[in-house]
Protein backbone atom coordinates (compact mmCIF):
# COMPACT_ATOMS: atom_id res chain seq x y z
CA MET A 1 4.62 -16.13 -7.09
CA ALA A 2 7.85 -18.22 -6.67
CA VAL A 3 8.71 -19.31 -2.97
CA THR A 4 11.63 -17.23 -3.27
CA SER A 5 9.82 -14.08 -3.72
CA ILE A 6 7.53 -14.73 -0.92
CA ALA A 7 10.51 -15.33 1.21
CA VAL A 8 12.27 -12.07 0.08
CA ASP A 9 8.97 -9.92 0.71
CA VAL A 10 8.66 -11.47 4.08
CA LEU A 11 12.19 -10.68 5.13
CA LEU A 12 12.03 -7.35 3.62
CA ILE A 13 8.73 -6.41 5.41
CA VAL A 14 10.04 -7.74 8.95
CA GLY A 15 13.53 -5.74 8.56
CA VAL A 16 11.60 -2.58 7.74
CA VAL A 17 9.23 -3.32 10.62
CA LEU A 18 12.05 -3.69 12.82
CA GLU A 19 13.95 -0.76 11.68
CA ALA A 20 10.75 1.47 11.85
CA ALA A 21 10.44 0.06 15.63
CA CYS A 22 14.09 1.42 16.37
CA VAL A 23 13.42 4.62 14.93
CA ALA A 24 10.14 5.05 16.93
CA GLY A 25 12.33 4.28 20.03
CA VAL A 26 14.80 6.77 19.12
CA LEU A 27 12.28 9.17 18.71
CA ILE A 28 10.10 8.23 21.75
CA MET A 29 12.95 7.99 24.33
CA PRO A 30 13.77 10.86 26.66
CA THR A 31 17.53 10.66 27.06
CA THR A 32 20.44 10.19 24.77
CA PHE A 33 21.66 6.86 26.66
CA ASP A 34 18.32 5.28 26.03
CA ARG A 35 18.42 6.34 22.23
CA LEU A 36 21.52 4.97 21.85
CA HIS A 37 20.19 1.50 22.96
CA TYR A 38 17.91 1.67 20.03
CA VAL A 39 20.50 2.96 17.58
CA GLY A 40 22.45 -0.35 18.45
CA ALA A 41 19.50 -2.27 18.01
CA ALA A 42 18.97 -1.32 14.37
CA THR A 43 22.28 -2.87 13.43
CA THR A 44 21.52 -6.17 14.59
CA VAL A 45 18.22 -8.49 13.49
CA PRO A 46 16.94 -5.84 11.02
CA ALA A 47 19.95 -5.76 9.21
CA PHE A 48 20.27 -9.51 9.04
CA CYS A 49 16.83 -9.56 7.92
CA ILE A 50 17.59 -7.40 4.86
CA LEU A 51 20.93 -9.35 4.38
CA ALA A 52 18.84 -12.62 4.14
CA ALA A 53 16.55 -11.12 1.73
CA VAL A 54 19.45 -9.94 -0.68
CA LEU A 55 21.17 -13.27 -0.52
CA CYS A 56 17.55 -15.11 -1.44
CA ARG A 57 17.38 -12.80 -4.64
CA GLU A 58 21.12 -12.43 -5.34
CA HIS A 59 22.71 -15.60 -3.87
CA LEU A 60 26.46 -15.29 -3.74
CA SER A 61 26.89 -13.07 -6.78
CA SER A 62 28.78 -9.85 -6.46
CA GLY A 63 25.64 -8.00 -4.91
CA GLY A 64 25.21 -10.59 -2.25
CA ILE A 65 28.84 -10.54 -1.33
CA GLU A 66 29.00 -6.68 -1.03
CA ALA A 67 25.77 -7.01 1.04
CA ILE A 68 27.60 -9.50 3.46
CA ALA A 69 30.57 -7.16 3.75
CA ALA A 70 28.25 -3.93 4.41
CA VAL A 71 26.24 -5.85 7.04
CA GLY A 72 29.37 -7.55 8.45
CA LEU A 73 31.41 -4.04 8.78
CA VAL A 74 28.34 -2.50 10.36
CA PHE A 75 27.77 -5.46 12.77
CA PHE A 76 31.18 -5.68 13.93
CA LEU A 77 32.32 -1.94 13.83
CA PHE A 78 29.14 -0.01 15.50
CA PRO A 79 29.80 -1.34 18.88
CA MET A 80 33.01 0.72 19.02
CA LEU A 81 31.19 3.70 17.37
CA LEU A 82 28.29 3.46 19.97
CA THR A 83 30.60 2.94 22.82
CA ALA A 84 32.92 6.04 21.69
CA THR A 85 29.72 8.02 21.21
CA ALA A 86 28.62 7.47 24.77
CA ARG A 87 31.96 8.41 26.35
CA ALA A 88 32.00 11.51 24.56
CA ILE A 89 28.46 12.25 25.81
CA SER A 90 29.36 11.41 29.10
CA ARG A 91 32.16 13.71 29.27
CA VAL A 92 30.20 16.48 27.60
CA GLU A 93 27.60 16.03 30.30
CA GLY A 94 30.31 15.90 33.09
CA ARG A 95 29.18 12.17 34.00
CA ASP A 96 32.94 11.07 33.03
CA GLU A 97 34.29 9.28 36.60
CA THR A 98 37.50 8.26 35.09
């Protein structure tokens, strides 16, 4: 087995295990706001592990550039979506103090 294939396998395993931990956190946490923390965590380190695996395999071909764009968009836009979701939940539950 080539070193690149081993690196891809390790990065994918780490990414999938971390994503599974985030899913477990979403299922286990009692409140919606606690669950949002785990949803946010799923868009950081696990996504970059999977991106690194794609880049090891595809390099900077069209597949690699598309993966960079997808992870970049998720990483930079998801905090806004998470904040909007938390504010909407606060309003629905009557916790809005503004």
